[in-house]
Amino acid sequence: MKALEFCGVDFSYGQGSFAIENLNFGVEEGEFVAVLGHNGSGKSTLARLSNGLLEADKGTISVFGTPVGQKNLYDVRKNVGVVFQNPDNQAVASIVEDDVAFGAENVGLPREEIGERIAFALRAVGMENLRHATISRLSGGQKQRVAIAGVLALKPKIMILDESTAMLDPRGRREIVDVVLRLNKEEHITVVLITHFMEEALLCDRAVVMNRGQIVMQGAPAEIFGRHEELLTYNLALPRIGLICKGLREGGVPVEDTLDVEKLAEEIARCVLSQSI
C-alpha cells in the first residue's frame, strides 16, 4: 500500500516559477526513501506539502489513501511527522521530557498514555537517561534526537526528516541516520530522508534525485551512484566511498563499484593479490 503519494502536483510560491511541477511520487508502506538534490530543487517543499503545511496548486496528495487537505489535516498530521533542520527551532520546553510530551498533550491523550509514549520515544532514540536534562545543555545531535522523540510520541506511520542532519557534525549525522534506520526496521515506520549528503542515502531502500521541482533520477542507491556523470549535471557529487572506488580505478586498481567499506577492502585485497601472483 502507498503510504504517501503525489499525483500531478504543482506548487508555486508565487514568484513566477514552480517549486514543484507535475510531481508524481510514491512511497510504499515501510519503505526508507532518500530524496536528494541541491538547494532549491524542491525537497523541502515536498516535505511541507506532505503533511499540509503547504497546499498544492494542482494535483492530489494522499497519505494512506486519505487526501491531504483542510478537511483532513488532523488525521494526516497524526500519520505524518516532520523533523526539520534546526532542533533549536523545534524545542517548545526547557526539559527533555516536557518537550517530548508536548505533541501528545496537545492531541488530548490521557496522562498515563502520555507517560508511556514519552518512555517509548526516548528509549527509541537512546535518550532515556537524559529524560530530565535541560535541552539547552545538550549537543546538536542530542537535541535532534529529542526532536525526533517528540514526533515519535505521536506514533506517526510516516516520518519525514527535512535536512535534519544539516547542522550536525559527521558523528552526529551518523547517529541520527542510525536511529532512523532502526525505527524503520524495528518499528516499521515509513521514512523519507531529505538530504544533500549523498552518503546518507547508502542505507536507504531507494534514492530519488530532484531538480527544479521534478524527479530526474530514482532507483537503488548503487544504481543511482553508478551514474557518476549524470549526478554531476545536477550539482551532486558521489559519496566518499564512490570517489575512492573511482580514484582507485584511475590509479590502476580495477575495483568494482561498491557502497560497502568491507567489500571495498576485499576488492582491494583481491586486486593486490591477483597482481602479485
Protein backbone atom coordinates (compact mmCIF):
# COMPACT_ATOMS: atom_id res chain seq x y z
CA MET A 1 0.00 0.00 0.00
CA LYS A 2 1.16 3.51 -0.78
CA ALA A 3 1.95 5.37 2.43
CA LEU A 4 2.45 8.67 0.59
CA GLU A 5 1.50 9.53 -2.97
CA PHE A 6 1.80 12.66 -5.13
CA CYS A 7 -0.16 12.69 -8.42
CA GLY A 8 0.50 15.50 -10.91
CA VAL A 9 1.30 18.02 -8.17
CA ASP A 10 2.24 21.64 -8.91
CA PHE A 11 3.20 24.23 -6.31
CA SER A 12 4.47 27.78 -6.67
CA TYR A 13 5.48 30.35 -4.06
CA GLY A 14 4.04 32.99 -6.38
CA GLN A 15 7.32 34.12 -7.92
CA GLY A 16 6.57 33.08 -11.49
CA SER A 17 8.11 29.60 -11.46
CA PHE A 18 7.11 26.30 -9.91
CA ALA A 19 8.92 24.97 -6.85
CA ILE A 20 7.21 21.63 -7.63
CA GLU A 21 5.96 20.86 -11.13
CA ASN A 22 3.90 17.86 -12.27
CA LEU A 23 5.34 15.73 -9.49
CA ASN A 24 4.41 12.05 -9.46
CA PHE A 25 5.96 10.34 -6.47
CA GLY A 26 5.04 7.48 -4.19
CA VAL A 27 6.43 5.81 -1.08
CA GLU A 28 5.37 2.29 -0.12
CA GLU A 29 4.43 1.48 3.46
CA GLY A 30 7.58 0.55 5.42
CA GLU A 31 9.94 1.89 2.75
CA PHE A 32 13.02 4.01 3.53
CA VAL A 33 13.49 6.57 0.75
CA ALA A 34 16.20 9.21 0.41
CA VAL A 35 15.30 12.38 -1.51
CA LEU A 36 18.45 14.05 -2.81
CA GLY A 37 19.00 17.35 -4.55
CA HIS A 38 20.81 20.67 -4.39
CA ASN A 39 19.35 23.75 -2.68
CA GLY A 40 16.21 24.91 -4.44
CA SER A 41 15.45 21.56 -6.05
CA GLY A 42 12.07 21.25 -4.29
CA LYS A 43 12.97 18.81 -1.50
CA SER A 44 11.72 20.89 1.44
CA THR A 45 8.60 21.91 -0.47
CA LEU A 46 7.83 18.21 -0.91
CA ALA A 47 8.12 17.73 2.87
CA ARG A 48 5.78 20.63 3.67
CA LEU A 49 3.20 19.50 1.12
CA SER A 50 3.20 16.00 2.61
CA ASN A 51 1.52 16.99 5.87
CA GLY A 52 -0.42 20.03 4.76
CA LEU A 53 1.93 22.82 5.85
CA LEU A 54 1.64 23.91 2.22
CA GLU A 55 -1.33 23.33 -0.10
CA ALA A 56 -0.79 22.15 -3.68
CA ASP A 57 -1.88 24.43 -6.53
CA LYS A 58 -2.74 21.43 -8.67
CA GLY A 59 -2.88 17.65 -8.36
CA THR A 60 -3.53 15.40 -5.39
CA ILE A 61 -1.52 14.24 -2.38
CA SER A 62 -2.67 11.34 -0.22
CA VAL A 63 -1.49 9.67 2.98
CA PHE A 64 -2.60 6.03 3.21
CA GLY A 65 -5.36 6.93 0.75
CA THR A 66 -6.57 9.99 2.69
CA PRO A 67 -6.36 13.23 0.66
CA VAL A 68 -4.17 15.93 2.19
CA GLY A 69 -6.43 18.95 2.56
CA GLN A 70 -8.01 21.30 5.08
CA LYS A 71 -10.77 18.83 6.00
CA ASN A 72 -8.34 16.03 6.79
CA LEU A 73 -5.36 17.86 8.31
CA TYR A 74 -5.81 16.39 11.79
CA ASP A 75 -5.79 12.79 10.53
CA VAL A 76 -2.94 13.46 8.09
CA ARG A 77 -0.70 15.06 10.72
CA LYS A 78 -1.29 12.19 13.12
CA ASN A 79 0.21 9.92 10.47
CA VAL A 80 2.96 12.19 9.12
CA GLY A 81 5.62 13.56 11.46
CA VAL A 82 8.18 16.05 10.14
CA VAL A 83 11.56 16.76 11.75
CA PHE A 84 13.16 19.96 10.46
CA GLN A 85 16.74 21.17 10.11
CA ASN A 86 17.32 23.25 13.24
CA PRO A 87 16.49 21.44 16.52
CA ASP A 88 16.58 24.72 18.46
CA ASN A 89 13.63 25.98 16.41
CA GLN A 90 11.59 22.87 17.29
CA ALA A 91 12.04 22.90 21.07
CA VAL A 92 8.98 24.15 22.97
CA ALA A 93 10.08 23.34 26.53
CA SER A 94 13.28 23.58 28.53
CA ILE A 95 13.28 19.99 29.89
CA VAL A 96 13.58 16.93 27.63
CA GLU A 97 10.51 15.00 28.86
CA ASP A 98 8.31 18.12 28.72
CA ASP A 99 9.35 18.78 25.16
CA VAL A 100 8.68 15.18 24.08
CA ALA A 101 5.25 15.27 25.79
CA PHE A 102 4.11 18.48 24.06
CA GLY A 103 2.54 16.94 20.95
CA ALA A 104 0.88 14.08 22.81
CA GLU A 105 -0.61 16.52 25.32
CA ASN A 106 -1.97 18.70 22.54
CA VAL A 107 -3.95 15.86 20.97
CA GLY A 108 -5.59 15.20 24.34
CA LEU A 109 -4.14 11.81 25.25
CA PRO A 110 -4.66 10.53 28.82
CA ARG A 111 -1.82 11.30 31.24
CA GLU A 112 -0.91 7.62 31.70
CA GLU A 113 -0.63 7.08 27.96
CA ILE A 114 1.47 10.23 27.56
CA GLY A 115 3.91 8.85 30.12
CA GLU A 116 4.12 5.57 28.21
CA ARG A 117 4.73 7.38 24.94
CA ILE A 118 7.47 9.56 26.45
CA ALA A 119 9.22 6.43 27.69
CA PHE A 120 8.82 4.70 24.30
CA ALA A 121 10.06 7.70 22.31
CA LEU A 122 13.10 8.40 24.49
CA ARG A 123 14.04 4.71 24.54
CA ALA A 124 13.74 4.56 20.73
CA VAL A 125 16.25 7.40 20.25
CA GLY A 126 18.57 6.35 23.08
CA MET A 127 17.84 9.35 25.31
CA GLU A 128 16.09 7.70 28.28
CA ASN A 129 18.98 8.56 30.61
CA LEU A 130 18.58 12.27 29.79
CA ARG A 131 14.84 12.46 30.42
CA HIS A 132 15.21 15.26 32.99
CA ALA A 133 18.07 17.09 31.26
CA THR A 134 17.97 20.73 30.20
CA ILE A 135 17.71 20.89 26.41
CA SER A 136 19.95 23.96 26.06
CA ARG A 137 22.84 21.97 27.53
CA LEU A 138 22.60 19.10 25.03
CA SER A 139 24.77 18.62 21.95
CA GLY A 140 23.34 19.24 18.49
CA GLY A 141 22.89 15.53 17.87
CA GLN A 142 21.15 15.04 21.22
CA LYS A 143 18.80 17.97 20.53
CA GLN A 144 17.87 16.45 17.18
CA ARG A 145 17.17 13.13 18.91
CA VAL A 146 14.80 14.95 21.25
CA ALA A 147 13.05 16.50 18.23
CA ILE A 148 12.66 13.03 16.71
CA ALA A 149 11.35 11.71 20.04
CA GLY A 150 8.73 14.47 20.11
CA VAL A 151 7.47 13.30 16.72
CA LEU A 152 7.64 9.63 17.77
CA ALA A 153 5.48 10.31 20.83
CA LEU A 154 2.61 10.90 18.41
CA LYS A 155 3.32 7.45 16.91
CA PRO A 156 3.17 8.54 13.25
CA LYS A 157 3.22 5.93 10.50
CA ILE A 158 5.43 8.17 8.33
CA MET A 159 8.45 10.20 9.41
CA ILE A 160 9.93 12.86 7.14
CA LEU A 161 13.35 14.28 8.01
CA ASP A 162 13.83 17.56 6.19
CA GLU A 163 17.61 18.22 6.15
CA SER A 164 17.56 17.13 9.80
CA THR A 165 21.31 16.41 9.85
CA ALA A 166 22.46 19.52 8.00
CA MET A 167 23.63 21.37 11.13
CA LEU A 168 25.40 18.39 12.70
CA ASP A 169 28.99 17.17 12.52
CA PRO A 170 29.72 13.82 10.77
CA ARG A 171 29.37 11.85 14.01
CA GLY A 172 26.04 13.50 14.83
CA ARG A 173 24.77 12.86 11.31
CA ARG A 174 25.65 9.18 11.55
CA GLU A 175 23.93 8.90 14.94
CA ILE A 176 20.68 10.35 13.59
CA VAL A 177 20.72 8.16 10.46
CA ASP A 178 21.33 5.07 12.62
CA VAL A 179 18.39 5.99 14.88
CA VAL A 180 16.06 6.49 11.93
CA LEU A 181 17.22 3.27 10.26
CA ARG A 182 16.46 1.35 13.46
CA LEU A 183 13.00 2.94 13.70
CA ASN A 184 12.32 1.91 10.12
CA LYS A 185 13.41 -1.69 10.67
CA GLU A 186 12.11 -2.30 14.20
CA GLU A 187 9.04 -0.04 14.43
CA HIS A 188 8.16 -0.34 10.71
CA ILE A 189 7.91 3.42 10.33
CA THR A 190 7.95 4.63 6.74
CA VAL A 191 10.83 7.11 6.36
CA VAL A 192 11.52 9.86 3.84
CA LEU A 193 15.02 11.22 4.41
CA ILE A 194 15.52 14.56 2.64
CA THR A 195 19.19 15.45 2.39
CA HIS A 196 22.02 16.79 0.27
CA PHE A 197 24.56 14.47 1.93
CA MET A 198 24.90 11.69 -0.61
CA GLU A 199 26.39 9.20 1.84
CA GLU A 200 23.20 9.29 3.93
CA ALA A 201 21.37 7.54 1.11
CA LEU A 202 23.61 4.46 1.27
CA LEU A 203 21.38 2.58 3.72
CA CYS A 204 18.05 3.50 2.10
CA ASP A 205 15.88 1.19 0.03
CA ARG A 206 15.56 3.75 -2.76
CA ALA A 207 17.14 7.06 -3.72
CA VAL A 208 15.29 9.83 -5.56
CA VAL A 209 17.03 12.82 -7.13
CA MET A 210 15.11 16.08 -7.58
CA ASN A 211 15.99 19.03 -9.81
CA ARG A 212 13.87 22.12 -10.47
CA GLY A 213 10.85 20.63 -8.77
CA GLN A 214 10.85 17.34 -10.65
CA ILE A 215 12.19 13.83 -10.11
CA VAL A 216 15.02 13.28 -12.58
CA MET A 217 16.53 10.02 -11.25
CA GLN A 218 15.39 7.23 -8.98
CA GLY A 219 16.40 3.68 -8.12
CA ALA A 220 18.55 1.68 -5.72
CA PRO A 221 21.41 3.77 -4.25
CA ALA A 222 24.04 1.64 -6.02
CA GLU A 223 22.30 2.22 -9.35
CA ILE A 224 22.00 5.98 -8.81
CA PHE A 225 25.60 6.42 -7.67
CA GLY A 226 26.80 4.39 -10.64
CA ARG A 227 25.61 7.20 -12.92
CA HIS A 228 28.51 9.48 -11.95
CA GLU A 229 28.41 11.95 -14.82
CA GLU A 230 24.65 12.42 -14.69
CA LEU A 231 24.80 13.22 -10.97
CA LEU A 232 27.33 15.95 -11.65
CA THR A 233 24.91 17.67 -14.02
CA TYR A 234 22.56 18.08 -11.03
CA ASN A 235 25.34 19.52 -8.83
CA LEU A 236 25.59 16.33 -6.79
CA ALA A 237 28.88 14.61 -6.01
CA LEU A 238 29.47 10.94 -5.28
CA PRO A 239 29.70 9.85 -1.64
CA ARG A 240 33.29 9.49 -0.43
CA ILE A 241 33.39 5.73 -0.94
CA GLY A 242 32.32 6.21 -4.54
CA LEU A 243 35.09 8.72 -5.12
CA ILE A 244 37.59 6.26 -3.61
CA CYS A 245 36.46 3.50 -5.99
CA LYS A 246 36.74 5.84 -8.95
CA GLY A 247 40.18 7.08 -7.85
CA LEU A 248 41.48 3.54 -7.40
CA ARG A 249 40.41 2.55 -10.91
CA GLU A 250 42.04 5.65 -12.36
CA GLY A 251 45.23 4.67 -10.48
CA GLY A 252 45.27 1.20 -11.99
CA VAL A 253 43.49 -0.80 -9.26
CA PRO A 254 40.43 -2.31 -11.03
CA VAL A 255 37.97 -2.40 -8.12
CA GLU A 256 34.24 -2.73 -8.70
CA ASP A 257 31.86 -0.01 -7.54
CA THR A 258 30.58 -0.71 -4.03
CA LEU A 259 28.91 1.21 -1.24
CA ASP A 260 30.17 -1.14 1.50
CA VAL A 261 33.51 -0.40 3.21
CA GLU A 262 34.22 -4.06 3.97
CA LYS A 263 33.50 -5.10 0.39
CA LEU A 264 35.82 -2.35 -0.84
CA ALA A 265 38.61 -3.67 1.40
CA GLU A 266 38.02 -7.16 0.00
CA GLU A 267 38.13 -5.78 -3.56
CA ILE A 268 41.44 -4.01 -2.91
CA ALA A 269 42.93 -7.18 -1.36
CA ARG A 270 41.73 -9.25 -4.32
CA CYS A 271 43.26 -6.84 -6.83
CA VAL A 272 46.58 -6.66 -4.96
CA LEU A 273 46.82 -10.46 -4.65
CA SER A 274 45.96 -11.06 -8.30
CA GLN A 275 48.61 -8.55 -9.43
CA SER A 276 51.28 -10.01 -7.12
CA ILE A 277 50.64 -13.53 -8.46
